[in-house]
Amino acid sequence: MKVVQATAFGAPSVLAVTELPDPEPGFGQLTIDVSHAAVGLIDAFLREGRYQDTPGMPRPPFVPGLEVAGTVRAVGEGVSGFAVGERVVTLSATGGTGGYAEVYVSDAAHTVSLEDGEIDAARAVAMLPNMAMAHVALTRVAHLGEGDSVLVHGALGGFAAAFPGMAKRLGAGRVVGTVRAGRLDAARRGGLPYDEVVDSGKLADALAGQHFDIVIDPVGGALRSASLDFMAPGSRLLACGNASNDWEHTVDDNELWLRCVSIAGFNAGAYLPGHPETLRPALEAARSAIAAGAGDTEIESLPFSRAAAAHERMENRRLAGRLVLVPDARS
């Protein structure tokens, strides 16, 4: 099978198409003939080697990618409920890698069928896994309540974009997104169900007098501290990323008790192993949300041979939606 490999830690140019043997499913696993593999910021972080000193993180050569869609190729022992040829979408079962490949191995528990709806594979892989994680984050960590107001930073980002639709499905009231000034037009003309999108560099003016019950922050840095000014007493900030790449920033914990607010972290890779029961209902909720039109974002497909270009565009923030990779024969 053809795969896109990170041949070393470094710039997007380390990504190269090569051949590897076709894998076979183990117990509780499926192999999937991949039609689409989502490109995420975490793929770039792993490629750069940001977590190379963290135990369990991949080292070169490895195949990036943690979200794929396609058809079931083979079913391993102990698996029921899936058939060869069935359309599916899945999350990584191998530490966030393996997706940029023609054939992918997934845990059946991390996989959901697409046979019962009209969701196309590109939209499924672009939105369904992240919307499932948004469901877990909102219900189990942020404790979204009926009518809660939600502020989402980095509103067009791969993970952030999953929150407005899922929050509305779970009963949220007003949902506001923030983006950098250069992305305001793209965010406002997009199909995501934000009630308003504002300039993240002018929050004091754009959100004057407004306070939110939940803040979703995959950006980090100074924006995280600035968010405290827009949090109501009893509100929760979900720290779920660091797209700003500001690893030195800290929040004054005295501000938390003085304002009566809380900050919780959410990292799906750390949370799900200890709470596997949350994944199946989250996947099914995400599938229903997308079928109802809650995951309407711009999607662009590029062939495996342009994986480096996809990573460059993602890092340069030249995106208004999501990028997915497809095997070259299908591009």
C-alpha atoms as a PDB file:
ATOM      1  CA  MET A   1       0.000   0.000   0.000  1.00  0.00           C
ATOM      2  CA  LYS A   2       1.045   3.607  -0.537  1.00  0.00           C
ATOM      3  CA  VAL A   3       1.478   5.776   2.552  1.00  0.00           C
ATOM      4  CA  VAL A   4       2.696   9.254   3.428  1.00  0.00           C
ATOM      5  CA  GLN A   5       5.587   8.926   5.871  1.00  0.00           C
ATOM      6  CA  ALA A   6       7.297  11.458   8.081  1.00  0.00           C
ATOM      7  CA  THR A   7      10.868  10.420   7.291  1.00  0.00           C
ATOM      8  CA  ALA A   8      12.359  12.656   9.992  1.00  0.00           C
ATOM      9  CA  PHE A   9      11.271  15.335  12.428  1.00  0.00           C
ATOM     10  CA  GLY A  10      11.104  18.694  10.711  1.00  0.00           C
ATOM     11  CA  ALA A  11       9.385  20.861   8.122  1.00  0.00           C
ATOM     12  CA  PRO A  12       6.561  19.642   5.840  1.00  0.00           C
ATOM     13  CA  SER A  13       9.203  18.592   3.300  1.00  0.00           C
ATOM     14  CA  VAL A  14       9.990  15.520   5.444  1.00  0.00           C
ATOM     15  CA  LEU A  15       6.681  14.014   4.270  1.00  0.00           C
ATOM     16  CA  ALA A  16       7.153  11.524   1.434  1.00  0.00           C
ATOM     17  CA  VAL A  17       5.024   8.904  -0.309  1.00  0.00           C
ATOM     18  CA  THR A  18       6.379   5.382   0.020  1.00  0.00           C
ATOM     19  CA  GLU A  19       5.245   1.735   0.012  1.00  0.00           C
ATOM     20  CA  LEU A  20       4.555  -0.426   3.053  1.00  0.00           C
ATOM     21  CA  PRO A  21       3.010  -3.900   3.408  1.00  0.00           C
ATOM     22  CA  ASP A  22      -0.760  -4.076   3.736  1.00  0.00           C
ATOM     23  CA  PRO A  23      -1.691  -4.538   7.418  1.00  0.00           C
ATOM     24  CA  GLU A  24      -4.033  -7.197   8.807  1.00  0.00           C
ATOM     25  CA  PRO A  25      -6.597  -6.621  11.568  1.00  0.00           C
ATOM     26  CA  GLY A  26      -5.944  -7.985  15.053  1.00  0.00           C
ATOM     27  CA  PHE A  27      -8.480  -8.961  17.671  1.00  0.00           C
ATOM     28  CA  GLY A  28     -11.212  -6.319  17.954  1.00  0.00           C
ATOM     29  CA  GLN A  29      -9.916  -4.482  14.893  1.00  0.00           C
ATOM     30  CA  LEU A  30     -10.881  -3.645  11.315  1.00  0.00           C
ATOM     31  CA  THR A  31      -8.801  -2.799   8.300  1.00  0.00           C
ATOM     32  CA  ILE A  32     -10.199   0.004   6.161  1.00  0.00           C
ATOM     33  CA  ASP A  33      -9.584   0.879   2.531  1.00  0.00           C
ATOM     34  CA  VAL A  34      -9.051   4.587   3.029  1.00  0.00           C
ATOM     35  CA  SER A  35     -10.888   7.074   0.835  1.00  0.00           C
ATOM     36  CA  HIS A  36     -10.137  10.194   2.921  1.00  0.00           C
ATOM     37  CA  ALA A  37      -7.714  11.067   5.741  1.00  0.00           C
ATOM     38  CA  ALA A  38      -8.163  14.325   7.653  1.00  0.00           C
ATOM     39  CA  VAL A  39      -5.223  16.705   8.102  1.00  0.00           C
ATOM     40  CA  GLY A  40      -5.032  18.082  11.639  1.00  0.00           C
ATOM     41  CA  LEU A  41      -2.767  20.395  13.591  1.00  0.00           C
ATOM     42  CA  ILE A  42      -1.732  17.499  15.811  1.00  0.00           C
ATOM     43  CA  ASP A  43      -0.287  15.812  12.692  1.00  0.00           C
ATOM     44  CA  ALA A  44       1.972  18.819  12.193  1.00  0.00           C
ATOM     45  CA  PHE A  45       3.003  18.873  15.851  1.00  0.00           C
ATOM     46  CA  LEU A  46       3.979  15.185  15.701  1.00  0.00           C
ATOM     47  CA  ARG A  47       5.837  15.720  12.417  1.00  0.00           C
ATOM     48  CA  GLU A  48       7.779  18.621  13.928  1.00  0.00           C
ATOM     49  CA  GLY A  49       8.803  16.460  16.878  1.00  0.00           C
ATOM     50  CA  ARG A  50       7.243  18.662  19.558  1.00  0.00           C
ATOM     51  CA  TYR A  51       6.433  15.605  21.672  1.00  0.00           C
ATOM     52  CA  GLN A  52       9.439  13.488  20.786  1.00  0.00           C
ATOM     53  CA  ASP A  53      10.525  13.232  24.422  1.00  0.00           C
ATOM     54  CA  THR A  54       7.060  12.136  25.582  1.00  0.00           C
ATOM     55  CA  PRO A  55       6.802   8.367  26.115  1.00  0.00           C
ATOM     56  CA  GLY A  56       4.600   6.645  23.567  1.00  0.00           C
ATOM     57  CA  MET A  57       4.779   9.379  20.947  1.00  0.00           C
ATOM     58  CA  PRO A  58       5.814   8.311  17.415  1.00  0.00           C
ATOM     59  CA  ARG A  59       9.324   8.628  16.095  1.00  0.00           C
ATOM     60  CA  PRO A  60      10.376   8.664  12.421  1.00  0.00           C
ATOM     61  CA  PRO A  61       9.668   7.007  10.175  1.00  0.00           C
ATOM     62  CA  PHE A  62       5.946   7.045  10.942  1.00  0.00           C
ATOM     63  CA  VAL A  63       2.676   7.607   9.104  1.00  0.00           C
ATOM     64  CA  PRO A  64       0.701  10.617  10.437  1.00  0.00           C
ATOM     65  CA  GLY A  65      -3.078  10.806  10.581  1.00  0.00           C
ATOM     66  CA  LEU A  66      -5.690   9.941  13.206  1.00  0.00           C
ATOM     67  CA  GLU A  67      -9.018  10.334  11.373  1.00  0.00           C
ATOM     68  CA  VAL A  68      -9.972   8.315   8.295  1.00  0.00           C
ATOM     69  CA  ALA A  69     -13.034   7.360   6.275  1.00  0.00           C
ATOM     70  CA  GLY A  70     -13.399   4.528   3.819  1.00  0.00           C
ATOM     71  CA  THR A  71     -14.818   1.027   3.465  1.00  0.00           C
ATOM     72  CA  VAL A  72     -14.207  -2.024   5.628  1.00  0.00           C
ATOM     73  CA  ARG A  73     -11.580  -4.231   4.024  1.00  0.00           C
ATOM     74  CA  ALA A  74     -11.384  -7.025   6.600  1.00  0.00           C
ATOM     75  CA  VAL A  75     -12.893  -7.788   9.998  1.00  0.00           C
ATOM     76  CA  GLY A  76     -10.742  -9.176  12.823  1.00  0.00           C
ATOM     77  CA  GLU A  77     -11.686 -11.734  15.434  1.00  0.00           C
ATOM     78  CA  GLY A  78     -14.034 -10.552  18.158  1.00  0.00           C
ATOM     79  CA  VAL A  79     -15.668  -7.920  15.949  1.00  0.00           C
ATOM     80  CA  SER A  80     -19.401  -7.856  15.282  1.00  0.00           C
ATOM     81  CA  GLY A  81     -21.676  -5.285  13.704  1.00  0.00           C
ATOM     82  CA  PHE A  82     -19.431  -4.464  10.718  1.00  0.00           C
ATOM     83  CA  ALA A  83     -19.290  -6.035   7.259  1.00  0.00           C
ATOM     84  CA  VAL A  84     -16.729  -6.002   4.467  1.00  0.00           C
ATOM     85  CA  GLY A  85     -17.503  -3.128   2.102  1.00  0.00           C
ATOM     86  CA  GLU A  86     -19.371  -1.071   4.722  1.00  0.00           C
ATOM     87  CA  ARG A  87     -18.763   2.685   4.669  1.00  0.00           C
ATOM     88  CA  VAL A  88     -17.227   3.856   7.960  1.00  0.00           C
ATOM     89  CA  VAL A  89     -15.347   6.660   9.689  1.00  0.00           C
ATOM     90  CA  THR A  90     -12.922   6.109  12.536  1.00  0.00           C
ATOM     91  CA  LEU A  91     -10.506   7.614  15.058  1.00  0.00           C
ATOM     92  CA  SER A  92      -6.938   6.451  15.541  1.00  0.00           C
ATOM     93  CA  ALA A  93      -6.367   3.326  17.596  1.00  0.00           C
ATOM     94  CA  THR A  94      -2.596   3.673  17.357  1.00  0.00           C
ATOM     95  CA  GLY A  95      -1.555   6.815  19.182  1.00  0.00           C
ATOM     96  CA  GLY A  96      -2.592   9.352  16.562  1.00  0.00           C
ATOM     97  CA  THR A  97      -0.844   7.820  13.565  1.00  0.00           C
ATOM     98  CA  GLY A  98      -1.464   5.612  10.546  1.00  0.00           C
ATOM     99  CA  GLY A  99      -4.147   7.571   8.711  1.00  0.00           C
ATOM    100  CA  TYR A 100      -2.226   8.820   5.664  1.00  0.00           C
ATOM    101  CA  ALA A 101      -2.332   5.365   4.097  1.00  0.00           C
ATOM    102  CA  GLU A 102      -4.315   3.372   1.568  1.00  0.00           C
ATOM    103  CA  VAL A 103      -5.117   0.779   4.252  1.00  0.00           C
ATOM    104  CA  TYR A 104      -5.683   1.612   7.902  1.00  0.00           C
ATOM    105  CA  VAL A 105      -6.085  -0.491  11.048  1.00  0.00           C
ATOM    106  CA  SER A 106      -8.721   0.713  13.521  1.00  0.00           C
ATOM    107  CA  ASP A 107     -10.318  -0.533  16.705  1.00  0.00           C
ATOM    108  CA  ALA A 108     -13.923  -1.438  16.000  1.00  0.00           C
ATOM    109  CA  ALA A 109     -14.848   0.452  19.185  1.00  0.00           C
ATOM    110  CA  HIS A 110     -13.495   3.653  17.597  1.00  0.00           C
ATOM    111  CA  THR A 111     -15.434   3.193  14.360  1.00  0.00           C
ATOM    112  CA  VAL A 112     -18.959   4.191  13.312  1.00  0.00           C
ATOM    113  CA  SER A 113     -20.949   3.175  10.232  1.00  0.00           C
ATOM    114  CA  LEU A 114     -22.011   5.655   7.553  1.00  0.00           C
ATOM    115  CA  GLU A 115     -24.436   3.279   5.858  1.00  0.00           C
ATOM    116  CA  ASP A 116     -27.645   4.612   7.410  1.00  0.00           C
ATOM    117  CA  GLY A 117     -27.341   8.224   6.279  1.00  0.00           C
ATOM    118  CA  GLU A 118     -26.400  10.551   3.444  1.00  0.00           C
ATOM    119  CA  ILE A 119     -23.119  11.791   4.955  1.00  0.00           C
ATOM    120  CA  ASP A 120     -20.351  11.754   2.356  1.00  0.00           C
ATOM    121  CA  ALA A 121     -16.948  10.429   3.358  1.00  0.00           C
ATOM    122  CA  ALA A 122     -15.092  13.735   3.081  1.00  0.00           C
ATOM    123  CA  ARG A 123     -17.525  15.521   5.416  1.00  0.00           C
ATOM    124  CA  ALA A 124     -17.583  12.558   7.769  1.00  0.00           C
ATOM    125  CA  VAL A 125     -13.819  12.471   8.244  1.00  0.00           C
ATOM    126  CA  ALA A 126     -13.536  16.267   8.379  1.00  0.00           C
ATOM    127  CA  MET A 127     -16.148  16.724  11.092  1.00  0.00           C
ATOM    128  CA  LEU A 128     -17.425  13.546  12.765  1.00  0.00           C
ATOM    129  CA  PRO A 129     -14.408  12.583  14.926  1.00  0.00           C
ATOM    130  CA  ASN A 130     -13.962  16.150  16.193  1.00  0.00           C
ATOM    131  CA  MET A 131     -17.695  16.543  16.817  1.00  0.00           C
ATOM    132  CA  ALA A 132     -17.608  13.334  18.837  1.00  0.00           C
ATOM    133  CA  MET A 133     -14.780  14.742  20.933  1.00  0.00           C
ATOM    134  CA  ALA A 134     -16.704  18.008  21.300  1.00  0.00           C
ATOM    135  CA  HIS A 135     -19.628  15.962  22.637  1.00  0.00           C
ATOM    136  CA  VAL A 136     -17.390  14.324  25.248  1.00  0.00           C
ATOM    137  CA  ALA A 137     -15.781  17.648  26.180  1.00  0.00           C
ATOM    138  CA  LEU A 138     -19.089  19.494  26.525  1.00  0.00           C
ATOM    139  CA  THR A 139     -20.987  16.791  28.392  1.00  0.00           C
ATOM    140  CA  ARG A 140     -18.312  15.269  30.597  1.00  0.00           C
ATOM    141  CA  VAL A 141     -15.805  18.070  31.231  1.00  0.00           C
ATOM    142  CA  ALA A 142     -17.426  21.452  30.580  1.00  0.00           C
ATOM    143  CA  HIS A 143     -20.862  20.261  31.824  1.00  0.00           C
ATOM    144  CA  LEU A 144     -22.905  22.234  29.313  1.00  0.00           C
ATOM    145  CA  GLY A 145     -26.353  23.129  30.612  1.00  0.00           C
ATOM    146  CA  GLU A 146     -29.565  23.999  28.763  1.00  0.00           C
ATOM    147  CA  GLY A 147     -29.380  27.558  27.475  1.00  0.00           C
ATOM    148  CA  ASP A 148     -25.692  28.058  28.346  1.00  0.00           C
ATOM    149  CA  SER A 149     -23.813  30.663  26.317  1.00  0.00           C
ATOM    150  CA  VAL A 150     -20.582  29.501  24.682  1.00  0.00           C
ATOM    151  CA  LEU A 151     -17.514  31.380  23.392  1.00  0.00           C
ATOM    152  CA  VAL A 152     -15.282  29.471  20.949  1.00  0.00           C
ATOM    153  CA  HIS A 153     -11.792  30.758  20.146  1.00  0.00           C
ATOM    154  CA  GLY A 154     -10.118  29.917  16.838  1.00  0.00           C
ATOM    155  CA  ALA A 155     -13.618  29.414  15.448  1.00  0.00           C
ATOM    156  CA  LEU A 156     -12.569  27.908  12.104  1.00  0.00           C
ATOM    157  CA  GLY A 157      -9.968  25.496  13.485  1.00  0.00           C
ATOM    158  CA  GLY A 158     -10.469  21.764  12.976  1.00  0.00           C
ATOM    159  CA  PHE A 159     -11.445  21.091  16.599  1.00  0.00           C
ATOM    160  CA  ALA A 160     -13.044  24.455  17.373  1.00  0.00           C
ATOM    161  CA  ALA A 161     -15.334  24.161  14.345  1.00  0.00           C
ATOM    162  CA  ALA A 162     -16.904  21.056  15.888  1.00  0.00           C
ATOM    163  CA  PHE A 163     -18.230  22.947  18.915  1.00  0.00           C
ATOM    164  CA  PRO A 164     -20.962  25.318  17.670  1.00  0.00           C
ATOM    165  CA  GLY A 165     -23.061  22.613  16.025  1.00  0.00           C
ATOM    166  CA  MET A 166     -22.633  20.146  18.862  1.00  0.00           C
ATOM    167  CA  ALA A 167     -23.254  22.795  21.519  1.00  0.00           C
ATOM    168  CA  LYS A 168     -26.514  23.812  19.807  1.00  0.00           C
ATOM    169  CA  ARG A 169     -27.569  20.152  19.549  1.00  0.00           C
ATOM    170  CA  LEU A 170     -26.965  19.773  23.288  1.00  0.00           C
ATOM    171  CA  GLY A 171     -29.124  22.779  24.158  1.00  0.00           C
ATOM    172  CA  ALA A 172     -26.727  25.724  24.223  1.00  0.00           C
ATOM    173  CA  GLY A 173     -28.167  29.195  23.719  1.00  0.00           C
ATOM    174  CA  ARG A 174     -25.911  31.825  22.155  1.00  0.00           C
ATOM    175  CA  VAL A 175     -22.639  30.588  20.575  1.00  0.00           C
ATOM    176  CA  VAL A 176     -20.021  33.178  19.570  1.00  0.00           C
ATOM    177  CA  GLY A 177     -16.780  32.472  17.719  1.00  0.00           C
ATOM    178  CA  THR A 178     -13.533  34.438  17.630  1.00  0.00           C
ATOM    179  CA  VAL A 179     -10.934  34.533  14.843  1.00  0.00           C
ATOM    180  CA  ARG A 180      -8.053  36.726  13.768  1.00  0.00           C
ATOM    181  CA  ALA A 181      -9.074  39.802  11.728  1.00  0.00           C
ATOM    182  CA  GLY A 182      -7.909  38.271   8.452  1.00  0.00           C
ATOM    183  CA  ARG A 183     -10.302  35.347   8.813  1.00  0.00           C
ATOM    184  CA  LEU A 184     -13.449  37.231   9.792  1.00  0.00           C
ATOM    185  CA  ASP A 185     -14.981  37.203   6.304  1.00  0.00           C
ATOM    186  CA  ALA A 186     -14.371  33.480   5.876  1.00  0.00           C
ATOM    187  CA  ALA A 187     -15.875  32.735   9.275  1.00  0.00           C
ATOM    188  CA  ARG A 188     -18.932  34.894   8.711  1.00  0.00           C
ATOM    189  CA  ARG A 189     -19.752  33.436   5.305  1.00  0.00           C
ATOM    190  CA  GLY A 190     -19.160  29.862   6.453  1.00  0.00           C
ATOM    191  CA  GLY A 191     -21.891  27.391   7.291  1.00  0.00           C
ATOM    192  CA  LEU A 192     -21.035  26.847  10.949  1.00  0.00           C
ATOM    193  CA  PRO A 193     -23.907  27.799  13.290  1.00  0.00           C
ATOM    194  CA  TYR A 194     -22.278  30.660  15.177  1.00  0.00           C
ATOM    195  CA  ASP A 195     -24.629  33.427  16.244  1.00  0.00           C
ATOM    196  CA  GLU A 196     -21.768  35.896  15.813  1.00  0.00           C
ATOM    197  CA  VAL A 197     -18.060  35.831  14.926  1.00  0.00           C
ATOM    198  CA  VAL A 198     -15.755  38.579  16.237  1.00  0.00           C
ATOM    199  CA  ASP A 199     -12.139  39.699  15.965  1.00  0.00           C
ATOM    200  CA  SER A 200     -10.076  37.962  18.651  1.00  0.00           C
ATOM    201  CA  GLY A 201      -7.725  40.961  18.724  1.00  0.00           C
ATOM    202  CA  LYS A 202     -10.531  43.338  19.729  1.00  0.00           C
ATOM    203  CA  LEU A 203     -12.466  41.354  22.319  1.00  0.00           C
ATOM    204  CA  ALA A 204     -12.874  44.282  24.719  1.00  0.00           C
ATOM    205  CA  ASP A 205     -14.858  46.201  22.106  1.00  0.00           C
ATOM    206  CA  ALA A 206     -16.562  43.292  20.343  1.00  0.00           C
ATOM    207  CA  LEU A 207     -17.775  41.586  23.528  1.00  0.00           C
ATOM    208  CA  ALA A 208     -18.256  44.620  25.791  1.00  0.00           C
ATOM    209  CA  GLY A 209     -20.702  43.716  28.534  1.00  0.00           C
ATOM    210  CA  GLN A 210     -21.042  40.072  27.453  1.00  0.00           C
ATOM    211  CA  HIS A 211     -20.264  37.081  29.657  1.00  0.00           C
ATOM    212  CA  PHE A 212     -20.301  33.377  28.823  1.00  0.00           C
ATOM    213  CA  ASP A 213     -20.981  30.177  30.717  1.00  0.00           C
ATOM    214  CA  ILE A 214     -18.424  28.143  28.758  1.00  0.00           C
ATOM    215  CA  VAL A 215     -15.273  29.224  26.897  1.00  0.00           C
ATOM    216  CA  ILE A 216     -13.664  26.771  24.452  1.00  0.00           C
ATOM    217  CA  ASP A 217      -9.980  27.632  24.020  1.00  0.00           C
ATOM    218  CA  PRO A 218      -7.772  25.621  21.656  1.00  0.00           C
ATOM    219  CA  VAL A 219      -5.586  28.724  21.079  1.00  0.00           C
ATOM    220  CA  GLY A 220      -3.935  29.407  24.439  1.00  0.00           C
ATOM    221  CA  GLY A 221      -1.424  32.135  25.200  1.00  0.00           C
ATOM    222  CA  ALA A 222      -2.584  35.621  26.104  1.00  0.00           C
ATOM    223  CA  LEU A 223      -6.052  34.900  24.712  1.00  0.00           C
ATOM    224  CA  ARG A 224      -6.613  32.429  27.557  1.00  0.00           C
ATOM    225  CA  SER A 225      -6.062  35.092  30.209  1.00  0.00           C
ATOM    226  CA  ALA A 226      -8.088  37.648  28.262  1.00  0.00           C
ATOM    227  CA  SER A 227     -11.011  35.206  28.289  1.00  0.00           C
ATOM    228  CA  LEU A 228     -11.413  35.600  32.044  1.00  0.00           C
ATOM    229  CA  ASP A 229     -12.927  39.054  31.477  1.00  0.00           C
ATOM    230  CA  PHE A 230     -15.829  37.476  29.611  1.00  0.00           C
ATOM    231  CA  MET A 231     -16.621  34.639  31.990  1.00  0.00           C
ATOM    232  CA  ALA A 232     -19.675  34.735  34.249  1.00  0.00           C
ATOM    233  CA  PRO A 233     -19.389  33.588  37.895  1.00  0.00           C
ATOM    234  CA  GLY A 234     -19.562  29.798  37.883  1.00  0.00           C
ATOM    235  CA  SER A 235     -18.415  29.538  34.265  1.00  0.00           C
ATOM    236  CA  ARG A 236     -15.912  27.050  32.875  1.00  0.00           C
ATOM    237  CA  LEU A 237     -13.015  27.511  30.449  1.00  0.00           C
ATOM    238  CA  LEU A 238     -11.983  24.405  28.529  1.00  0.00           C
ATOM    239  CA  ALA A 239      -8.269  24.484  27.637  1.00  0.00           C
ATOM    240  CA  CYS A 240      -8.113  22.074  24.697  1.00  0.00           C
ATOM    241  CA  GLY A 241      -5.083  23.077  22.680  1.00  0.00           C
ATOM    242  CA  ASN A 242      -2.240  25.527  22.161  1.00  0.00           C
ATOM    243  CA  ALA A 243      -2.419  26.681  18.557  1.00  0.00           C
ATOM    244  CA  SER A 244      -0.638  29.891  19.608  1.00  0.00           C
ATOM    245  CA  ASN A 245       2.464  27.801  20.360  1.00  0.00           C
ATOM    246  CA  ASP A 246       2.931  29.863  23.537  1.00  0.00           C
ATOM    247  CA  TRP A 247       4.190  27.274  26.002  1.00  0.00           C
ATOM    248  CA  GLU A 248       5.364  29.795  28.585  1.00  0.00           C
ATOM    249  CA  HIS A 249       2.020  31.453  29.264  1.00  0.00           C
ATOM    250  CA  THR A 250       0.369  30.891  32.638  1.00  0.00           C
ATOM    251  CA  VAL A 251      -2.917  31.962  34.232  1.00  0.00           C
ATOM    252  CA  ASP A 252      -2.915  33.549  37.710  1.00  0.00           C
ATOM    253  CA  ASP A 253      -4.806  31.027  39.832  1.00  0.00           C
ATOM    254  CA  ASN A 254      -5.874  33.745  42.253  1.00  0.00           C
ATOM    255  CA  GLU A 255      -8.027  35.090  39.428  1.00  0.00           C
ATOM    256  CA  LEU A 256     -10.021  31.854  39.458  1.00  0.00           C
ATOM    257  CA  TRP A 257     -11.339  32.115  42.993  1.00  0.00           C
ATOM    258  CA  LEU A 258     -11.720  35.881  42.861  1.00  0.00           C
ATOM    259  CA  ARG A 259     -13.874  35.605  39.733  1.00  0.00           C
ATOM    260  CA  CYS A 260     -15.482  32.292  40.774  1.00  0.00           C
ATOM    261  CA  VAL A 261     -14.559  30.582  37.500  1.00  0.00           C
ATOM    262  CA  SER A 262     -12.769  27.349  36.651  1.00  0.00           C
ATOM    263  CA  ILE A 263     -10.370  26.073  33.992  1.00  0.00           C
ATOM    264  CA  ALA A 264     -10.325  22.416  32.937  1.00  0.00           C
ATOM    265  CA  GLY A 265      -8.084  20.695  30.430  1.00  0.00           C
ATOM    266  CA  PHE A 266      -9.315  18.365  27.693  1.00  0.00           C
ATOM    267  CA  ASN A 267      -7.058  16.099  25.649  1.00  0.00           C
ATOM    268  CA  ALA A 268      -8.920  13.235  23.971  1.00  0.00           C
ATOM    269  CA  GLY A 269      -5.827  11.023  23.901  1.00  0.00           C
ATOM    270  CA  ALA A 270      -5.500  11.295  27.668  1.00  0.00           C
ATOM    271  CA  TYR A 271      -9.216  11.254  28.519  1.00  0.00           C
ATOM    272  CA  LEU A 272     -10.622   8.420  26.412  1.00  0.00           C
ATOM    273  CA  PRO A 273      -8.473   5.509  27.673  1.00  0.00           C
ATOM    274  CA  GLY A 274      -9.857   6.071  31.164  1.00  0.00           C
ATOM    275  CA  HIS A 275     -13.425   6.715  29.972  1.00  0.00           C
ATOM    276  CA  PRO A 276     -14.002   4.373  26.999  1.00  0.00           C
ATOM    277  CA  GLU A 277     -17.748   4.262  27.665  1.00  0.00           C
ATOM    278  CA  THR A 278     -18.070   7.860  26.439  1.00  0.00           C
ATOM    279  CA  LEU A 279     -16.900   7.195  22.888  1.00  0.00           C
ATOM    280  CA  ARG A 280     -19.742   5.168  21.343  1.00  0.00           C
ATOM    281  CA  PRO A 281     -22.555   7.576  22.329  1.00  0.00           C
ATOM    282  CA  ALA A 282     -20.366  10.505  21.265  1.00  0.00           C
ATOM    283  CA  LEU A 283     -19.736   9.011  17.814  1.00  0.00           C
ATOM    284  CA  GLU A 284     -23.440   8.342  17.342  1.00  0.00           C
ATOM    285  CA  ALA A 285     -24.374  11.844  18.518  1.00  0.00           C
ATOM    286  CA  ALA A 286     -21.867  13.339  16.086  1.00  0.00           C
ATOM    287  CA  ARG A 287     -23.221  11.261  13.202  1.00  0.00           C
ATOM    288  CA  SER A 288     -26.752  12.469  13.970  1.00  0.00           C
ATOM    289  CA  ALA A 289     -25.594  16.086  14.249  1.00  0.00           C
ATOM    290  CA  ILE A 290     -23.842  16.021  10.881  1.00  0.00           C
ATOM    291  CA  ALA A 291     -26.797  14.297   9.211  1.00  0.00           C
ATOM    292  CA  ALA A 292     -28.908  17.202  10.499  1.00  0.00           C
ATOM    293  CA  GLY A 293     -26.557  19.746   8.909  1.00  0.00           C
ATOM    294  CA  ALA A 294     -24.589  20.794  11.991  1.00  0.00           C
ATOM    295  CA  GLY A 295     -21.169  20.154  10.434  1.00  0.00           C
ATOM    296  CA  ASP A 296     -21.317  22.371   7.373  1.00  0.00           C
ATOM    297  CA  THR A 297     -17.771  23.633   6.840  1.00  0.00           C
ATOM    298  CA  GLU A 298     -15.560  24.109   3.779  1.00  0.00           C
ATOM    299  CA  ILE A 299     -13.611  20.975   2.826  1.00  0.00           C
ATOM    300  CA  GLU A 300     -10.829  20.641   0.261  1.00  0.00           C
ATOM    301  CA  SER A 301      -9.270  17.369  -0.896  1.00  0.00           C
ATOM    302  CA  LEU A 302      -5.624  16.977  -1.923  1.00  0.00           C
ATOM    303  CA  PRO A 303      -3.789  13.821  -3.059  1.00  0.00           C
ATOM    304  CA  PHE A 304      -1.257  12.025  -0.865  1.00  0.00           C
ATOM    305  CA  SER A 305       1.496  13.385  -3.108  1.00  0.00           C
ATOM    306  CA  ARG A 306       0.609  16.913  -1.922  1.00  0.00           C
ATOM    307  CA  ALA A 307       0.666  16.124   1.797  1.00  0.00           C
ATOM    308  CA  ALA A 308       3.576  18.524   2.347  1.00  0.00           C
ATOM    309  CA  ALA A 309       1.626  21.330   0.680  1.00  0.00           C
ATOM    310  CA  ALA A 310      -1.376  20.523   2.883  1.00  0.00           C
ATOM    311  CA  HIS A 311       0.783  20.830   6.003  1.00  0.00           C
ATOM    312  CA  GLU A 312       2.277  24.108   4.786  1.00  0.00           C
ATOM    313  CA  ARG A 313      -1.169  25.609   4.250  1.00  0.00           C
ATOM    314  CA  MET A 314      -2.370  24.445   7.636  1.00  0.00           C
ATOM    315  CA  GLU A 315       0.651  25.915   9.411  1.00  0.00           C
ATOM    316  CA  ASN A 316       0.292  29.217   7.532  1.00  0.00           C
ATOM    317  CA  ARG A 317      -3.392  29.358   8.536  1.00  0.00           C
ATOM    318  CA  ARG A 318      -4.412  29.644   4.874  1.00  0.00           C
ATOM    319  CA  LEU A 319      -7.576  27.668   5.488  1.00  0.00           C
ATOM    320  CA  ALA A 320     -11.242  28.497   5.865  1.00  0.00           C
ATOM    321  CA  GLY A 321     -12.232  24.919   6.700  1.00  0.00           C
ATOM    322  CA  ARG A 322     -10.548  21.520   6.656  1.00  0.00           C
ATOM    323  CA  LEU A 323      -8.146  19.714   4.369  1.00  0.00           C
ATOM    324  CA  VAL A 324      -8.382  15.985   3.685  1.00  0.00           C
ATOM    325  CA  LEU A 325      -5.959  13.743   1.823  1.00  0.00           C
ATOM    326  CA  VAL A 326      -7.015  11.095  -0.676  1.00  0.00           C
ATOM    327  CA  PRO A 327      -4.938   8.327  -2.307  1.00  0.00           C
ATOM    328  CA  ASP A 328      -3.548   9.659  -5.577  1.00  0.00           C
ATOM    329  CA  ALA A 329      -5.547   7.266  -7.755  1.00  0.00           C
ATOM    330  CA  ARG A 330      -8.713   8.802  -6.282  1.00  0.00           C
ATOM    331  CA  SER A 331      -7.667  12.488  -6.466  1.00  0.00           C
END
